């Protein structure tokens, strides 16, 4: 008899009854059957294969600075599973610490808002992230059902700030959310929620016009991950396993690795070419990316107003002519995606027009 996987809880399994040309199948339920807790990633079956995955992403992650924010902790430990065995703050921290290990193994520099069961208020988390000089910010959480009796809701979701119709929306946030969501959900074998096609959500869905404080106040590319529901009666069993928390971290790690592998377009201000005058200002930028620039995605704003531009794809030069600017400081914003679909990091350039 084939040995059963040790990651399964065993119960008495109803027998399948076959008769004649037809069969009656008694599908197992969660009270009398086999409940799959989790699957180990295929590459974990061979330590060398696991190391090869980390090594493969190291060429994209080496030197990258990543800020991890394990949600809650310290005096904020009220979020618990229905059975009281799982404290969200502790699970968030375990996942973050496992993730820190993988990122550092791949050559990344990791900052954290907390590395123990300590109290860190929401404002401080964003302040720390903004001061760190990190490239991206990831806040790690586990969700809860709408009421104390909701033991059935369970899915993986990743949030980005704002919505596409708002000026403060940064497309790169959603790019990062999509990469993390896909690999995290796959590693956990958990679907995204039905409220989103791909499992990513604007934080305005929960707080219209404001969003989550840690995303709203963090100025670098930022996402918030709700790995699963700690209030789910089935998740409670999985989240208590350190190895499962490790698997969650592995999914997030692979998502981050694939995100950077797709490349981030670079925007370089050409100071030597630009001419800043009241009557005729001409500003030049070089757009660079290994996969190439998707010209259809280029957008340029001056003080939040869309302005025309020309782009020379051969030399990668973006020219922005602006007429009749008043004396003083003006802000130029450039947005562009590469041919892999990844958008540039938030880019704002202040220029000064003198009389």
Protein backbone atom coordinates (compact mmCIF):
# COMPACT_ATOMS: atom_id res chain seq x y z
CA UNK A 1 0.00 0.00 0.00
CA UNK A 2 1.32 3.46 -0.91
CA UNK A 3 2.40 5.42 2.12
CA UNK A 4 0.18 8.45 2.75
CA UNK A 5 1.73 11.90 2.78
CA UNK A 6 2.46 12.98 6.33
CA UNK A 7 0.97 16.43 5.64
CA UNK A 8 -2.54 15.02 5.57
CA UNK A 9 -4.91 14.51 8.48
CA UNK A 10 -6.36 11.02 8.29
CA UNK A 11 -9.89 10.06 9.06
CA UNK A 12 -11.98 6.99 8.16
CA UNK A 13 -12.47 7.26 4.41
CA UNK A 14 -15.84 6.22 2.96
CA UNK A 15 -15.48 3.39 0.46
CA UNK A 16 -16.29 3.94 -3.20
CA UNK A 17 -19.13 1.65 -4.25
CA UNK A 18 -19.06 0.34 -7.76
CA UNK A 19 -21.87 -1.56 -9.43
CA UNK A 20 -22.44 -2.65 -13.01
CA UNK A 21 -21.54 -0.05 -15.60
CA UNK A 22 -22.11 2.87 -13.27
CA UNK A 23 -20.51 3.98 -10.03
CA UNK A 24 -21.76 5.81 -6.97
CA UNK A 25 -19.11 8.06 -5.48
CA UNK A 26 -19.35 9.25 -1.89
CA UNK A 27 -17.19 12.35 -1.95
CA UNK A 28 -15.34 12.87 1.35
CA UNK A 29 -16.33 15.86 3.43
CA UNK A 30 -14.30 17.67 6.07
CA UNK A 31 -15.71 15.63 8.92
CA UNK A 32 -15.03 12.18 7.49
CA UNK A 33 -12.35 12.15 4.85
CA UNK A 34 -8.85 13.46 4.12
CA UNK A 35 -8.14 17.14 4.63
CA UNK A 36 -5.07 18.32 2.71
CA UNK A 37 -3.24 20.76 4.97
CA UNK A 38 -0.67 21.92 2.45
CA UNK A 39 1.66 20.84 -0.31
CA UNK A 40 5.38 21.41 -0.17
CA UNK A 41 6.71 23.27 -3.23
CA UNK A 42 8.06 20.83 -5.83
CA UNK A 43 11.54 22.41 -5.72
CA UNK A 44 11.75 21.68 -1.99
CA UNK A 45 11.97 17.94 -2.58
CA UNK A 46 15.60 18.41 -3.56
CA UNK A 47 17.71 20.85 -1.47
CA UNK A 48 19.87 21.57 -4.49
CA UNK A 49 16.81 22.50 -6.56
CA UNK A 50 15.68 24.93 -3.86
CA UNK A 51 19.09 26.54 -3.75
CA UNK A 52 19.08 26.84 -7.53
CA UNK A 53 15.82 28.81 -7.40
CA UNK A 54 17.31 31.24 -4.90
CA UNK A 55 20.47 31.52 -6.99
CA UNK A 56 18.44 32.16 -10.15
CA UNK A 57 16.67 35.13 -8.57
CA UNK A 58 19.84 36.49 -6.96
CA UNK A 59 20.89 38.11 -10.25
CA UNK A 60 17.78 40.29 -10.02
CA UNK A 61 17.64 40.76 -6.24
CA UNK A 62 21.27 41.37 -5.31
CA UNK A 63 21.56 44.88 -3.92
CA UNK A 64 17.81 45.49 -3.93
CA UNK A 65 16.52 47.06 -0.71
CA UNK A 66 13.27 45.67 0.60
CA UNK A 67 11.24 46.82 3.60
CA UNK A 68 9.09 44.18 5.33
CA UNK A 69 6.30 45.19 7.69
CA UNK A 70 4.82 42.36 9.80
CA UNK A 71 1.41 43.75 10.77
CA UNK A 72 0.27 44.27 14.37
CA UNK A 73 2.30 42.97 17.36
CA UNK A 74 3.10 44.12 20.88
CA UNK A 75 0.00 45.64 22.45
CA UNK A 76 -1.95 44.86 19.27
CA UNK A 77 -2.62 41.12 19.58
CA UNK A 78 -6.41 41.07 19.52
CA UNK A 79 -6.77 39.35 16.13
CA UNK A 80 -7.08 35.63 16.86
CA UNK A 81 -8.53 32.54 15.23
CA UNK A 82 -11.91 31.20 16.34
CA UNK A 83 -10.23 28.53 18.44
CA UNK A 84 -7.81 31.06 19.93
CA UNK A 85 -4.76 29.08 18.82
CA UNK A 86 -3.60 31.48 16.14
CA UNK A 87 -2.61 35.08 16.86
CA UNK A 88 -2.34 37.04 13.63
CA UNK A 89 0.56 39.17 14.86
CA UNK A 90 2.68 36.06 15.48
CA UNK A 91 1.92 34.48 12.11
CA UNK A 92 2.67 37.77 10.30
CA UNK A 93 6.06 37.91 12.00
CA UNK A 94 6.93 34.28 11.25
CA UNK A 95 6.15 34.71 7.54
CA UNK A 96 8.17 37.95 7.42
CA UNK A 97 11.21 36.38 9.10
CA UNK A 98 11.19 33.42 6.71
CA UNK A 99 10.88 35.87 3.81
CA UNK A 100 13.76 37.94 5.16
CA UNK A 101 15.94 34.84 5.11
CA UNK A 102 15.17 34.02 1.47
CA UNK A 103 15.68 37.60 0.31
CA UNK A 104 19.02 37.89 2.08
CA UNK A 105 20.10 34.53 0.66
CA UNK A 106 19.41 36.03 -2.77
CA UNK A 107 21.55 39.08 -2.00
CA UNK A 108 18.86 41.62 -1.09
CA UNK A 109 19.14 44.10 1.78
CA UNK A 110 16.17 43.74 4.12
CA UNK A 111 14.73 46.25 6.58
CA UNK A 112 11.88 45.43 8.97
CA UNK A 113 9.43 47.47 11.00
CA UNK A 114 9.73 44.88 13.78
CA UNK A 115 11.61 41.62 14.34
CA UNK A 116 9.94 40.63 17.60
CA UNK A 117 6.58 40.94 19.33
CA UNK A 118 6.89 44.70 19.69
CA UNK A 119 4.52 47.65 19.29
CA UNK A 120 4.94 49.81 16.20
CA UNK A 121 2.21 52.33 15.35
CA UNK A 122 0.97 52.77 11.79
CA UNK A 123 2.58 56.16 11.22
CA UNK A 124 5.98 54.94 12.35
CA UNK A 125 5.89 52.03 9.90
CA UNK A 126 5.62 54.39 6.93
CA UNK A 127 8.17 56.83 8.36
CA UNK A 128 10.68 54.01 8.82
CA UNK A 129 10.07 52.73 5.28
CA UNK A 130 10.46 56.19 3.71
CA UNK A 131 13.70 56.85 5.59
CA UNK A 132 15.18 53.43 4.85
CA UNK A 133 15.89 54.10 1.19
CA UNK A 134 14.24 50.79 0.32
CA UNK A 135 13.07 50.05 -3.21
CA UNK A 136 9.77 48.42 -2.22
CA UNK A 137 7.55 48.02 0.86
CA UNK A 138 5.55 44.89 1.72
CA UNK A 139 3.14 44.77 4.66
CA UNK A 140 2.23 41.22 5.71
CA UNK A 141 -1.13 40.40 7.26
CA UNK A 142 -3.79 37.70 7.64
CA UNK A 143 -7.43 38.54 7.14
CA UNK A 144 -10.55 38.03 9.27
CA UNK A 145 -14.17 37.22 8.47
CA UNK A 146 -16.87 39.83 8.72
CA UNK A 147 -18.23 38.46 12.00
CA UNK A 148 -17.32 36.05 14.76
CA UNK A 149 -19.34 33.24 13.18
CA UNK A 150 -17.68 33.50 9.75
CA UNK A 151 -15.51 30.38 9.70
CA UNK A 152 -15.73 29.78 5.96
CA UNK A 153 -14.28 32.82 4.19
CA UNK A 154 -10.74 32.14 3.04
CA UNK A 155 -8.75 33.51 0.11
CA UNK A 156 -5.50 35.30 -0.64
CA UNK A 157 -5.53 38.99 -1.58
CA UNK A 158 -2.94 41.68 -2.22
CA UNK A 159 -3.74 45.40 -2.00
CA UNK A 160 -2.29 48.45 -3.76
CA UNK A 161 -3.09 52.10 -3.07
CA UNK A 162 -5.69 54.23 -4.86
CA UNK A 163 -7.47 53.61 -8.18
CA UNK A 164 -6.53 54.16 -11.83
CA UNK A 165 -8.67 57.28 -12.16
CA UNK A 166 -6.80 59.09 -9.36
CA UNK A 167 -3.64 61.18 -9.86
CA UNK A 168 -1.95 59.55 -6.84
CA UNK A 169 -2.30 56.08 -8.36
CA UNK A 170 1.07 54.47 -9.10
CA UNK A 171 0.83 51.63 -11.65
CA UNK A 172 4.00 50.02 -10.27
CA UNK A 173 2.16 49.27 -7.01
CA UNK A 174 -0.34 47.13 -8.87
CA UNK A 175 2.43 45.43 -10.86
CA UNK A 176 4.13 44.37 -7.63
CA UNK A 177 0.80 43.26 -6.14
CA UNK A 178 0.06 41.03 -9.13
CA UNK A 179 3.41 39.24 -9.02
CA UNK A 180 3.22 38.59 -5.29
CA UNK A 181 -0.45 37.58 -5.38
CA UNK A 182 0.06 35.01 -8.13
CA UNK A 183 2.96 33.15 -6.54
CA UNK A 184 1.67 33.39 -2.97
CA UNK A 185 -1.73 31.99 -3.92
CA UNK A 186 -0.09 29.21 -5.90
CA UNK A 187 2.28 28.24 -3.07
CA UNK A 188 -0.59 28.16 -0.58
CA UNK A 189 -2.96 26.44 -3.03
CA UNK A 190 -5.48 29.16 -2.17
CA UNK A 191 -7.51 31.14 -4.68
CA UNK A 192 -7.96 34.89 -4.87
CA UNK A 193 -11.29 36.35 -3.80
CA UNK A 194 -14.25 36.67 -6.14
CA UNK A 195 -14.19 40.46 -5.80
CA UNK A 196 -11.17 40.68 -8.09
CA UNK A 197 -10.23 38.98 -11.36
CA UNK A 198 -6.62 38.37 -10.34
CA UNK A 199 -6.77 38.59 -6.54
CA UNK A 200 -5.42 42.15 -6.32
CA UNK A 201 -7.53 44.97 -4.89
CA UNK A 202 -7.38 48.71 -4.50
CA UNK A 203 -7.32 49.65 -0.82
CA UNK A 204 -10.16 52.05 -1.64
CA UNK A 205 -12.47 49.03 -1.64
CA UNK A 206 -12.25 49.00 2.16
CA UNK A 207 -11.58 52.68 2.82
CA UNK A 208 -13.00 54.74 -0.09
CA UNK A 209 -10.92 57.77 -0.96
CA UNK A 210 -8.33 57.02 1.74
CA UNK A 211 -7.08 53.45 1.61
CA UNK A 212 -4.76 51.83 4.14
CA UNK A 213 -2.61 54.22 6.13
CA UNK A 214 0.60 52.25 5.58
CA UNK A 215 0.08 52.34 1.81
CA UNK A 216 -1.15 55.94 1.68
CA UNK A 217 1.79 57.30 3.68
CA UNK A 218 4.55 55.14 2.22
CA UNK A 219 6.19 56.92 -0.72
CA UNK A 220 8.04 53.96 -2.25
CA UNK A 221 6.22 51.21 -4.21
CA UNK A 222 4.07 49.49 -1.60
CA UNK A 223 1.60 46.62 -1.24
CA UNK A 224 -0.28 45.00 1.63
CA UNK A 225 -0.73 41.22 1.56
CA UNK A 226 -3.61 39.44 3.29
CA UNK A 227 -2.18 35.93 3.00
CA UNK A 228 -5.36 34.15 4.10
CA UNK A 229 -8.11 34.27 6.75
CA UNK A 230 -6.94 33.37 10.24
CA UNK A 231 -10.62 33.10 11.18
CA UNK A 232 -11.16 30.20 8.75
CA UNK A 233 -11.66 26.89 10.52
CA UNK A 234 -9.37 25.22 7.98
CA UNK A 235 -6.69 27.92 7.91
CA UNK A 236 -6.37 27.74 11.68
CA UNK A 237 -4.98 24.23 11.27
CA UNK A 238 -2.44 25.28 8.63
CA UNK A 239 -1.24 28.59 10.03
CA UNK A 240 0.04 26.94 13.20
CA UNK A 241 2.64 24.98 11.24
CA UNK A 242 5.99 26.75 10.92
CA UNK A 243 6.65 24.93 7.66
CA UNK A 244 3.43 26.29 6.18
CA UNK A 245 4.45 29.82 7.15
CA UNK A 246 7.75 29.08 5.41
CA UNK A 247 5.82 28.06 2.28
CA UNK A 248 3.89 31.35 2.40
CA UNK A 249 7.18 33.25 2.55
CA UNK A 250 8.51 31.19 -0.35
CA UNK A 251 5.55 32.23 -2.50
CA UNK A 252 6.06 35.92 -1.71
CA UNK A 253 9.80 35.55 -2.36
CA UNK A 254 9.25 34.06 -5.81
CA UNK A 255 6.74 36.80 -6.64
CA UNK A 256 9.26 39.49 -5.72
CA UNK A 257 11.98 37.73 -7.72
CA UNK A 258 9.79 37.52 -10.83
CA UNK A 259 8.77 41.15 -10.45
CA UNK A 260 12.37 42.38 -10.54
CA UNK A 261 13.23 39.89 -13.27
CA UNK A 262 10.66 41.61 -15.52
CA UNK A 263 12.65 44.82 -15.10
CA UNK A 264 11.88 48.36 -13.95
CA UNK A 265 12.16 51.17 -16.54
CA UNK A 266 14.72 53.82 -15.64
CA UNK A 267 13.96 57.55 -16.07
CA UNK A 268 17.02 59.81 -16.23
CA UNK A 269 16.78 63.61 -16.28
CA UNK A 270 19.12 65.08 -18.89
CA UNK A 271 20.20 68.29 -17.20
CA UNK A 272 22.72 69.16 -19.93
CA UNK A 273 19.99 69.16 -22.61
CA UNK A 274 17.14 70.80 -20.74
CA UNK A 275 16.39 74.52 -21.09
CA UNK A 276 14.30 76.14 -18.37
CA UNK A 277 12.72 79.43 -19.42
CA UNK A 278 9.41 81.15 -18.78
CA UNK A 279 8.46 81.47 -22.42
CA UNK A 280 9.84 78.16 -23.71
CA UNK A 281 10.87 75.36 -21.38
CA UNK A 282 12.24 72.17 -22.93
CA UNK A 283 12.95 69.20 -20.72
CA UNK A 284 14.67 65.97 -21.76
CA UNK A 285 14.71 62.52 -20.17
CA UNK A 286 16.33 59.26 -21.18
CA UNK A 287 14.12 56.16 -20.81
CA UNK A 288 16.01 52.87 -20.41
CA UNK A 289 15.00 49.23 -20.06
CA UNK A 290 16.54 45.96 -21.25
CA UNK A 291 13.25 44.67 -22.67
CA UNK A 292 12.49 47.98 -24.37
CA UNK A 293 10.08 50.82 -23.71
CA UNK A 294 6.37 50.52 -24.49
CA UNK A 295 5.77 53.93 -26.08
CA UNK A 296 2.00 53.66 -25.68
CA UNK A 297 2.34 53.79 -21.88
CA UNK A 298 4.30 57.05 -21.63
CA UNK A 299 2.55 59.81 -19.69
CA UNK A 300 3.97 63.20 -18.68
CA UNK A 301 2.44 65.69 -16.24
CA UNK A 302 3.43 69.19 -15.19
CA UNK A 303 1.91 70.20 -11.85
CA UNK A 304 -0.70 67.39 -12.23
CA UNK A 305 -1.73 68.51 -15.74
CA UNK A 306 -1.06 66.22 -18.70
CA UNK A 307 1.37 67.75 -21.21
CA UNK A 308 2.43 66.72 -24.77
CA UNK A 309 5.80 65.14 -25.51
CA UNK A 310 7.82 63.46 -28.25
CA UNK A 311 9.82 60.25 -27.88
CA UNK A 312 12.75 59.05 -29.98
CA UNK A 313 12.72 55.26 -29.65
CA UNK A 314 16.10 54.86 -31.36
CA UNK A 315 18.04 56.76 -28.70
CA UNK A 316 15.44 56.54 -25.92
CA UNK A 317 15.08 60.32 -25.59
CA UNK A 318 11.88 61.88 -24.24
CA UNK A 319 11.39 65.58 -25.03
CA UNK A 320 8.82 67.63 -23.12
CA UNK A 321 8.24 71.17 -24.43
CA UNK A 322 6.25 73.38 -22.04
CA UNK A 323 5.35 76.98 -22.82
CA UNK A 324 4.60 79.97 -20.61
CA UNK A 325 5.47 78.52 -17.23
CA UNK A 326 5.41 81.03 -14.39
CA UNK A 327 8.54 81.71 -12.38
CA UNK A 328 8.99 79.33 -9.45
CA UNK A 329 9.13 75.60 -8.77
CA UNK A 330 7.19 73.15 -10.95
CA UNK A 331 6.92 69.36 -10.69
CA UNK A 332 7.29 67.09 -13.70
CA UNK A 333 5.94 63.55 -13.36
CA UNK A 334 6.83 60.78 -15.83
CA UNK A 335 5.18 57.35 -16.05
CA UNK A 336 6.30 54.60 -18.44
CA UNK A 337 6.16 50.79 -18.73
CA UNK A 338 8.56 48.38 -20.38
CA UNK A 339 7.60 45.75 -22.92
CA UNK A 340 7.19 43.18 -20.12
CA UNK A 341 4.39 45.33 -18.70
CA UNK A 342 6.24 46.63 -15.64
CA UNK A 343 5.85 50.33 -14.84
CA UNK A 344 8.53 52.68 -13.60
CA UNK A 345 8.88 53.53 -9.92
CA UNK A 346 7.25 56.84 -8.86
CA UNK A 347 9.18 59.62 -10.62
CA UNK A 348 8.80 63.33 -9.81
CA UNK A 349 11.33 65.96 -10.89
CA UNK A 350 11.20 69.50 -9.56
CA UNK A 351 12.36 72.23 -11.94
CA UNK A 352 12.89 75.90 -11.16
CA UNK A 353 11.92 78.63 -13.61
CA UNK A 354 13.73 81.92 -13.03
CA UNK A 355 12.69 85.30 -14.35
